[in-house]
Amino acid sequence: MDSLQTIKQRFGIIGNNNQLNVALQEAIRVAPTDISVLVTGESGVGKEVIPKIIHNLSHRKHAKYIAVNCGAIPEGTIDSELFGHEKGAFTGATQTRSGYFEVADGGTIFLDEVGELPLTTQVRLLRVLENGEFLKVGSSKVQKTDVRIVAATNINMLEAIQKGKFREDLFYRLSTVEIHLSPLRDRSDDIHLLFRKFASDFAQKYKMPTIRLEDNAINTLQSYNWKGNVRQLKNIAEQISVIEQTRNISVELLKSYLPDYSENLPALISDNKSSSDFANEREILYKVLFDMRNDITDLKNLTQELIRDKEGIQPQSQQNTQVLIDKIYGKEDETNTSLEIIAQPKTEPFPSSPNVVSYDDAETVEETISLQEKEFEMIKQALDRNKGKRKLAAKELGISERTLYRKINQYNL
């Protein structure tokens, strides 16, 4: 059997981390068998290399190896892709088609993102694992196949089972042996090795000198929290190799390529938010528009109330008006009257005329309150509430610190 170092060289694996070595040794040991394997780990850790090792070290190495991304195939066609279909089985099925399990007979199928499989497809897959049988879509003829299945997922399968999204019996069939690949942040000693390998590869690809990191930049690289794992590291190495003219990369230059380095996290406020500045600005604009709509509605309701008051504004009505203005814009210092001026009609604040405020006046208020003014006020109040701490203010607003810094400079806050 090939040694671990030989396997690394053969498959281009970089790193000496103990957890990585354990995962590779497990793959080497199970390869000669036909046992089902489930590879787990975060997105971007390189799970696809494990099934290649298993296939190439098995007795099936001269047969077909097919990799299938289950998350990239539409639910309506995945059964046809995996198991094939008969002519006329559905609209567009103009001829009989062989699926991957028929084509790969005698070989290995790698089911990436297996957790994304629809439940109906999971039932079909379970039958293949149990007795090697499957049915083409639109056929009643049982066919046999001898295929080894290696699956991979980046989701928590036990949670998926509890939520009814994945069959428990299929999970145990797939995970006879489970091989886990650690995230890159747990392999800090391997990060610089990988970066140097990627930098060398891109230098050859683009015919340019290889970039090198200064000592401080190496420390920064190793301490960064790589949410995108090896895939993100490779992407950063390619960006710097292509864009930068200097070949010696300082820590300041490296940080400019690391999203939200100040928080040692990628540019994400939460797992559900986009990392781009466009998405962050869109978030705050949505909030501004929503708040403005509510403000204008309140002002129009107040206008209608005042018009109905044929005897003029009573002290209580005047008090209600000021409460509304304070609620919408917040209380300002006496020296800062800009918002008061915007909120008030152009005429005297509260004349004794029966028709105190007209709809024209309300429209003037509506036009005067601009998006920029509202955005400025939201940011200013967030900074005030958090005593100037930008990180906390950005979190409250739901935007990245980078976006907040740009807005602060834009409004001279």
Protein backbone atom coordinates (compact mmCIF):
# COMPACT_ATOMS: atom_id res chain seq x y z
CA MET A 1 0.00 0.00 0.00
CA ASP A 2 1.22 3.49 -0.84
CA SER A 3 2.57 5.59 2.03
CA LEU A 4 0.74 8.66 3.29
CA GLN A 5 3.34 11.00 1.80
CA THR A 6 3.07 9.28 -1.59
CA ILE A 7 -0.71 9.70 -1.52
CA LYS A 8 -0.34 13.41 -0.74
CA GLN A 9 2.03 13.92 -3.66
CA ARG A 10 -0.15 11.90 -6.01
CA PHE A 11 -3.32 13.84 -5.26
CA GLY A 12 -1.73 17.26 -4.66
CA ILE A 13 -2.59 17.42 -0.96
CA ILE A 14 -0.69 20.05 1.05
CA GLY A 15 -0.40 19.94 4.85
CA ASN A 16 0.96 18.04 7.81
CA ASN A 17 -1.89 18.61 10.26
CA ASN A 18 -2.62 15.55 12.39
CA GLN A 19 -6.39 15.70 11.80
CA LEU A 20 -5.81 15.81 8.04
CA ASN A 21 -3.43 12.85 8.26
CA VAL A 22 -5.99 10.83 10.24
CA ALA A 23 -8.68 11.49 7.61
CA LEU A 24 -6.35 10.45 4.78
CA GLN A 25 -5.30 7.28 6.62
CA GLU A 26 -8.96 6.34 7.09
CA ALA A 27 -9.57 6.81 3.37
CA ILE A 28 -6.57 4.61 2.53
CA ARG A 29 -7.76 1.85 4.89
CA VAL A 30 -11.36 1.67 3.58
CA ALA A 31 -10.40 1.99 -0.11
CA PRO A 32 -9.88 -1.77 -0.81
CA THR A 33 -13.36 -2.57 0.55
CA ASP A 34 -16.80 -1.83 -0.91
CA ILE A 35 -18.03 -0.16 2.26
CA SER A 36 -20.10 3.05 1.95
CA VAL A 37 -18.35 6.22 3.14
CA LEU A 38 -19.73 9.60 4.20
CA VAL A 39 -17.32 12.55 4.07
CA THR A 40 -18.27 15.47 6.32
CA GLY A 41 -16.87 18.96 6.77
CA GLU A 42 -17.52 22.61 6.01
CA SER A 43 -17.85 23.92 2.49
CA GLY A 44 -14.48 24.49 0.84
CA VAL A 45 -12.35 22.07 2.90
CA GLY A 46 -11.66 19.79 -0.06
CA LYS A 47 -14.04 16.89 0.58
CA GLU A 48 -13.93 15.91 -3.11
CA VAL A 49 -10.37 14.55 -2.80
CA ILE A 50 -11.39 11.72 -0.41
CA PRO A 51 -13.62 9.81 -2.90
CA LYS A 52 -10.90 10.14 -5.56
CA ILE A 53 -8.40 8.52 -3.21
CA ILE A 54 -10.86 5.77 -2.31
CA HIS A 55 -11.67 5.01 -5.96
CA ASN A 56 -8.07 5.04 -7.19
CA LEU A 57 -6.85 2.76 -4.39
CA SER A 58 -9.72 0.27 -4.84
CA HIS A 59 -10.22 -2.70 -7.17
CA ARG A 60 -12.66 -0.46 -9.10
CA LYS A 61 -9.97 1.98 -10.21
CA HIS A 62 -10.17 0.90 -13.89
CA ALA A 63 -13.96 1.36 -13.97
CA LYS A 64 -15.85 4.65 -14.15
CA TYR A 65 -15.75 7.31 -11.46
CA ILE A 66 -18.67 9.77 -11.61
CA ALA A 67 -19.04 12.82 -9.35
CA VAL A 68 -22.58 14.17 -8.96
CA ASN A 69 -23.44 17.47 -7.27
CA CYS A 70 -26.88 16.67 -5.84
CA GLY A 71 -27.52 20.31 -4.92
CA ALA A 72 -27.03 21.52 -8.51
CA ILE A 73 -29.63 19.24 -10.17
CA PRO A 74 -33.29 20.40 -10.13
CA GLU A 75 -35.61 18.25 -8.05
CA GLY A 76 -37.76 17.38 -11.06
CA THR A 77 -34.89 15.85 -13.05
CA ILE A 78 -32.58 14.33 -10.44
CA ASP A 79 -34.25 10.88 -10.55
CA SER A 80 -33.76 10.82 -14.32
CA GLU A 81 -30.11 11.89 -13.94
CA LEU A 82 -29.30 9.23 -11.36
CA PHE A 83 -31.43 6.30 -12.54
CA GLY A 84 -32.30 7.12 -16.16
CA HIS A 85 -35.71 7.21 -17.84
CA GLU A 86 -37.75 5.47 -20.53
CA LYS A 87 -38.92 7.15 -23.70
CA GLY A 88 -42.17 9.01 -23.05
CA ALA A 89 -41.78 8.84 -19.25
CA PHE A 90 -42.40 12.60 -19.07
CA THR A 91 -42.70 15.60 -21.34
CA GLY A 92 -39.45 15.98 -23.25
CA ALA A 93 -38.34 12.37 -22.80
CA THR A 94 -37.95 11.70 -26.52
CA GLN A 95 -35.66 8.72 -26.05
CA THR A 96 -34.53 6.24 -23.43
CA ARG A 97 -31.66 7.51 -21.30
CA SER A 98 -29.22 5.68 -19.03
CA GLY A 99 -28.65 7.19 -15.57
CA TYR A 100 -25.40 7.47 -13.63
CA PHE A 101 -26.01 4.25 -11.69
CA GLU A 102 -26.28 2.31 -14.93
CA VAL A 103 -23.30 4.02 -16.60
CA ALA A 104 -21.05 3.63 -13.54
CA ASP A 105 -21.80 -0.09 -13.08
CA GLY A 106 -18.67 -1.63 -11.58
CA GLY A 107 -17.25 1.74 -10.59
CA THR A 108 -17.74 4.48 -8.00
CA ILE A 109 -20.28 7.30 -7.68
CA PHE A 110 -19.50 10.34 -5.55
CA LEU A 111 -22.69 12.04 -4.33
CA ASP A 112 -21.66 15.53 -3.26
CA GLU A 113 -24.13 17.57 -1.14
CA VAL A 114 -26.12 14.38 -0.55
CA GLY A 115 -28.13 16.19 2.13
CA GLU A 116 -29.88 18.14 -0.65
CA LEU A 117 -31.52 15.03 -2.17
CA PRO A 118 -35.35 15.08 -2.26
CA LEU A 119 -37.05 12.52 -0.02
CA THR A 120 -38.45 10.58 -3.01
CA THR A 121 -34.93 10.22 -4.43
CA GLN A 122 -33.65 9.14 -1.02
CA VAL A 123 -36.05 6.16 -1.15
CA ARG A 124 -34.63 5.10 -4.54
CA LEU A 125 -31.06 5.53 -3.31
CA LEU A 126 -31.76 3.42 -0.21
CA ARG A 127 -32.91 0.56 -2.45
CA VAL A 128 -29.64 0.73 -4.42
CA LEU A 129 -27.62 0.58 -1.22
CA GLU A 130 -29.61 -2.34 0.18
CA ASN A 131 -29.72 -4.70 -2.82
CA GLY A 132 -28.21 -2.91 -5.83
CA GLU A 133 -31.61 -2.53 -7.56
CA PHE A 134 -33.16 0.50 -9.22
CA LEU A 135 -35.97 1.43 -11.60
CA LYS A 136 -35.69 3.86 -14.48
CA VAL A 137 -38.26 6.67 -14.39
CA GLY A 138 -41.31 5.41 -16.27
CA SER A 139 -40.23 1.76 -16.18
CA SER A 140 -41.42 -1.24 -14.17
CA LYS A 141 -38.37 -3.37 -15.01
CA VAL A 142 -35.96 -3.78 -12.09
CA GLN A 143 -32.30 -3.35 -13.04
CA LYS A 144 -29.19 -4.31 -11.10
CA THR A 145 -26.02 -2.29 -10.61
CA ASP A 146 -22.77 -2.85 -8.77
CA VAL A 147 -21.73 0.64 -7.70
CA ARG A 148 -19.79 1.86 -4.70
CA ILE A 149 -21.23 5.04 -3.19
CA VAL A 150 -19.16 7.69 -1.48
CA ALA A 151 -21.22 10.67 -0.27
CA ALA A 152 -20.32 14.08 1.16
CA THR A 153 -22.20 16.81 2.99
CA ASN A 154 -21.54 20.10 4.77
CA ILE A 155 -24.79 20.09 6.75
CA ASN A 156 -25.55 18.58 10.17
CA MET A 157 -27.23 15.34 9.13
CA LEU A 158 -28.67 14.59 12.57
CA GLU A 159 -30.46 17.96 12.54
CA ALA A 160 -31.73 17.25 9.02
CA ILE A 161 -33.09 13.92 10.23
CA GLN A 162 -34.86 15.57 13.19
CA LYS A 163 -36.45 18.10 10.82
CA GLY A 164 -37.67 15.33 8.53
CA LYS A 165 -35.45 16.42 5.62
CA PHE A 166 -33.31 13.27 5.51
CA ARG A 167 -34.14 9.61 6.08
CA GLU A 168 -32.49 8.12 9.15
CA ASP A 169 -32.15 4.65 7.60
CA LEU A 170 -30.41 6.12 4.55
CA PHE A 171 -28.03 8.11 6.74
CA TYR A 172 -26.86 4.96 8.54
CA ARG A 173 -26.46 3.14 5.23
CA LEU A 174 -24.32 5.97 3.82
CA SER A 175 -22.24 6.55 6.92
CA THR A 176 -20.95 3.05 7.60
CA VAL A 177 -17.63 4.86 7.82
CA GLU A 178 -17.58 8.62 8.38
CA ILE A 179 -14.49 10.64 7.47
CA HIS A 180 -14.37 14.19 8.78
CA LEU A 181 -12.21 16.96 7.30
CA SER A 182 -11.37 19.78 9.71
CA PRO A 183 -11.87 23.45 8.79
CA LEU A 184 -8.81 25.40 7.70
CA ARG A 185 -8.80 27.55 10.86
CA ASP A 186 -7.99 24.37 12.83
CA ARG A 187 -4.97 23.72 10.59
CA SER A 188 -3.11 27.00 11.14
CA ASP A 189 0.32 25.48 10.44
CA ASP A 190 -0.86 24.37 6.99
CA ILE A 191 -2.27 27.76 5.92
CA HIS A 192 1.01 29.31 4.80
CA LEU A 193 2.06 26.09 3.06
CA LEU A 194 -1.16 26.12 1.06
CA PHE A 195 -0.80 29.82 0.26
CA ARG A 196 2.73 29.32 -1.06
CA LYS A 197 1.56 26.40 -3.22
CA PHE A 198 -1.30 28.42 -4.68
CA ALA A 199 0.94 31.47 -5.24
CA SER A 200 3.47 29.29 -7.10
CA ASP A 201 0.73 27.72 -9.25
CA PHE A 202 -0.73 31.09 -10.21
CA ALA A 203 2.72 32.50 -10.97
CA GLN A 204 3.23 29.71 -13.50
CA LYS A 205 -0.29 30.03 -14.87
CA TYR A 206 -0.09 33.80 -15.45
CA LYS A 207 3.66 33.85 -16.22
CA MET A 208 4.70 36.28 -13.49
CA PRO A 209 6.99 36.24 -10.40
CA THR A 210 5.64 34.48 -7.32
CA ILE A 211 4.22 36.67 -4.54
CA ARG A 212 5.70 36.33 -1.05
CA LEU A 213 4.35 37.37 2.33
CA GLU A 214 6.28 39.41 4.87
CA ASP A 215 6.61 37.90 8.36
CA ASN A 216 3.79 39.98 9.87
CA ALA A 217 1.56 39.10 6.93
CA ILE A 218 2.20 35.39 7.54
CA ASN A 219 1.03 35.77 11.15
CA THR A 220 -2.09 37.58 9.95
CA LEU A 221 -2.78 34.88 7.37
CA GLN A 222 -2.55 32.14 9.98
CA SER A 223 -4.72 33.91 12.56
CA TYR A 224 -7.54 34.78 10.13
CA ASN A 225 -10.82 32.88 10.51
CA TRP A 226 -11.19 31.25 7.07
CA LYS A 227 -14.94 30.72 6.75
CA GLY A 228 -14.50 29.76 3.09
CA ASN A 229 -11.66 27.39 4.03
CA VAL A 230 -9.18 26.23 1.35
CA ARG A 231 -11.39 27.55 -1.46
CA GLN A 232 -11.33 31.07 0.02
CA LEU A 233 -7.55 30.93 0.61
CA LYS A 234 -6.97 29.92 -3.00
CA ASN A 235 -9.21 32.75 -4.20
CA ILE A 236 -7.28 35.31 -2.13
CA ALA A 237 -3.95 34.03 -3.43
CA GLU A 238 -5.15 34.36 -7.02
CA GLN A 239 -6.51 37.87 -6.51
CA ILE A 240 -3.27 39.16 -5.02
CA SER A 241 -1.15 37.39 -7.65
CA VAL A 242 -3.05 39.00 -10.51
CA ILE A 243 -3.87 42.46 -9.15
CA GLU A 244 -0.78 43.55 -7.20
CA GLN A 245 2.34 44.76 -8.99
CA THR A 246 4.58 44.34 -5.96
CA ARG A 247 5.62 40.76 -5.22
CA ASN A 248 6.33 41.33 -1.50
CA ILE A 249 3.02 41.49 0.28
CA SER A 250 2.86 43.54 3.50
CA VAL A 251 0.42 42.92 6.32
CA GLU A 252 -1.55 46.08 5.41
CA LEU A 253 -1.91 44.97 1.81
CA LEU A 254 -2.98 41.47 2.83
CA LYS A 255 -5.62 42.82 5.22
CA SER A 256 -7.21 44.80 2.38
CA TYR A 257 -8.04 41.47 0.72
CA LEU A 258 -9.45 39.83 3.87
CA PRO A 259 -13.16 40.67 4.33
CA ASP A 260 -13.92 42.35 7.68
CA TYR A 261 -10.45 41.64 9.02
CA SER A 262 -11.09 43.96 11.99
CA GLU A 263 -13.53 41.37 13.35
CA ASN A 264 -11.43 38.43 12.12
CA LEU A 265 -14.50 37.25 10.27
CA PRO A 266 -15.67 37.21 6.66
CA ALA A 267 -17.91 40.10 5.63
CA LEU A 268 -21.00 38.63 7.22
CA ILE A 269 -23.24 40.15 9.84
CA SER A 270 -24.93 36.79 10.19
CA ASP A 271 -25.02 33.55 8.23
CA ASN A 272 -28.00 34.81 6.28
CA LYS A 273 -26.66 38.16 5.10
CA SER A 274 -24.67 38.96 2.00
CA SER A 275 -21.02 39.93 2.28
CA SER A 276 -21.12 42.64 -0.39
CA ASP A 277 -21.35 46.32 0.37
CA PHE A 278 -24.25 46.51 -2.07
CA ALA A 279 -26.26 44.12 0.06
CA ASN A 280 -25.38 46.04 3.23
CA GLU A 281 -26.48 49.34 1.72
CA ARG A 282 -29.65 47.75 0.44
CA GLU A 283 -30.44 46.58 3.98
CA ILE A 284 -30.21 50.07 5.43
CA LEU A 285 -32.15 51.60 2.52
CA TYR A 286 -34.97 49.13 3.10
CA LYS A 287 -35.07 50.21 6.76
CA VAL A 288 -35.06 53.87 5.75
CA LEU A 289 -37.91 53.41 3.28
CA PHE A 290 -39.96 51.42 5.77
CA ASP A 291 -39.51 54.02 8.52
CA MET A 292 -40.27 56.89 6.13
CA ARG A 293 -43.49 55.22 5.01
CA ASN A 294 -44.64 54.90 8.61
CA ASP A 295 -43.63 58.51 9.34
CA ILE A 296 -45.55 59.90 6.36
CA THR A 297 -48.61 57.83 7.25
CA ASP A 298 -48.55 59.26 10.80
CA LEU A 299 -48.18 62.81 9.46
CA LYS A 300 -51.10 62.40 7.05
CA ASN A 301 -53.31 61.01 9.82
CA LEU A 302 -52.40 64.01 11.97
CA THR A 303 -53.19 66.36 9.07
CA GLN A 304 -56.64 64.84 8.65
CA GLU A 305 -57.27 65.21 12.38
CA LEU A 306 -56.27 68.88 12.30
CA ILE A 307 -58.45 69.62 9.26
CA ARG A 308 -61.43 68.12 11.04
CA ASP A 309 -60.78 70.42 13.99
CA LYS A 310 -62.82 73.41 12.85
CA GLU A 311 -62.04 75.41 15.91
CA GLY A 312 -58.28 75.50 15.52
CA ILE A 313 -55.53 73.58 17.27
CA GLN A 314 -56.13 72.93 20.93
CA PRO A 315 -53.21 72.73 23.35
CA GLN A 316 -53.59 68.93 23.55
CA SER A 317 -53.43 68.63 19.75
CA GLN A 318 -50.34 70.81 19.71
CA GLN A 319 -48.77 68.59 22.34
CA ASN A 320 -49.64 65.47 20.32
CA THR A 321 -47.98 67.02 17.27
CA GLN A 322 -44.73 67.66 19.16
CA VAL A 323 -44.81 64.14 20.62
CA LEU A 324 -45.15 62.76 17.09
CA ILE A 325 -42.22 64.82 15.82
CA ASP A 326 -40.08 63.74 18.77
CA LYS A 327 -41.04 60.13 18.15
CA ILE A 328 -40.10 60.24 14.48
CA TYR A 329 -36.89 62.28 14.66
CA GLY A 330 -35.78 62.06 18.25
CA LYS A 331 -35.29 65.01 20.57
CA GLU A 332 -32.64 67.45 19.37
CA ASP A 333 -30.58 70.04 21.18
CA GLU A 334 -31.86 73.59 21.05
CA THR A 335 -28.93 74.55 18.83
CA ASN A 336 -29.80 71.88 16.25
CA THR A 337 -33.11 72.89 14.70
CA SER A 338 -32.61 71.50 11.19
CA LEU A 339 -35.00 68.58 11.69
CA GLU A 340 -37.59 70.83 13.35
CA ILE A 341 -37.51 73.09 10.32
CA ILE A 342 -37.95 70.13 7.98
CA ALA A 343 -40.85 68.73 9.98
CA GLN A 344 -42.77 72.02 10.34
CA PRO A 345 -44.98 73.55 7.60
CA LYS A 346 -43.65 76.72 5.96
CA THR A 347 -46.29 78.91 7.63
CA GLU A 348 -46.45 79.77 11.33
CA PRO A 349 -46.21 76.60 13.40
CA PHE A 350 -49.77 76.53 14.70
CA PRO A 351 -51.95 79.39 13.35
CA SER A 352 -55.45 79.91 14.58
CA SER A 353 -56.93 79.39 11.12
CA PRO A 354 -59.46 76.54 10.97
CA ASN A 355 -57.58 74.83 8.14
CA VAL A 356 -54.29 74.74 9.95
CA VAL A 357 -52.29 72.42 7.68
CA SER A 358 -53.27 71.63 4.10
CA TYR A 359 -52.53 68.52 2.09
CA ASP A 360 -50.12 70.65 0.05
CA ASP A 361 -48.15 71.23 3.24
CA ALA A 362 -48.06 67.49 3.94
CA GLU A 363 -46.75 66.87 0.42
CA THR A 364 -44.05 69.50 1.02
CA VAL A 365 -42.96 67.65 4.16
CA GLU A 366 -43.00 64.39 2.23
CA GLU A 367 -40.75 65.82 -0.49
CA THR A 368 -38.39 67.53 1.95
CA ILE A 369 -37.54 64.42 3.95
CA SER A 370 -34.99 62.76 1.68
CA LEU A 371 -33.49 59.31 1.90
CA GLN A 372 -30.07 60.75 2.66
CA GLU A 373 -31.40 62.81 5.57
CA LYS A 374 -33.12 59.80 7.07
CA GLU A 375 -30.08 57.60 6.55
CA PHE A 376 -27.87 60.29 8.15
CA GLU A 377 -30.19 60.47 11.14
CA MET A 378 -30.30 56.68 11.61
CA ILE A 379 -26.52 56.41 11.57
CA LYS A 380 -26.07 59.43 13.88
CA GLN A 381 -28.54 58.07 16.42
CA ALA A 382 -26.96 54.60 16.32
CA LEU A 383 -23.53 56.13 16.99
CA ASP A 384 -24.95 58.24 19.83
CA ARG A 385 -26.67 55.26 21.44
CA ASN A 386 -23.48 53.24 21.29
CA LYS A 387 -21.28 56.15 22.49
CA GLY A 388 -19.39 56.34 19.20
CA LYS A 389 -18.44 52.65 19.13
CA ARG A 390 -18.58 51.86 15.44
CA LYS A 391 -18.59 48.10 15.78
CA LEU A 392 -21.70 48.15 17.98
CA ALA A 393 -23.39 50.77 15.80
CA ALA A 394 -22.77 48.72 12.66
CA LYS A 395 -24.22 45.64 14.35
CA GLU A 396 -27.34 47.57 15.40
CA LEU A 397 -27.83 48.91 11.86
CA GLY A 398 -27.27 45.49 10.31
CA ILE A 399 -24.38 46.61 8.10
CA SER A 400 -20.66 45.87 7.98
CA GLU A 401 -18.13 48.15 9.68
CA ARG A 402 -16.64 48.89 6.27
CA THR A 403 -19.96 50.27 5.04
CA LEU A 404 -20.40 52.27 8.25
CA TYR A 405 -16.91 53.80 7.90
CA ARG A 406 -17.75 54.92 4.36
CA LYS A 407 -21.06 56.45 5.47
CA ILE A 408 -19.33 58.28 8.35
CA ASN A 409 -16.88 59.83 5.91
CA GLN A 410 -19.67 60.63 3.48
CA TYR A 411 -21.68 62.53 6.08
CA ASN A 412 -18.65 63.92 8.01
CA LEU A 413 -19.91 62.39 11.26
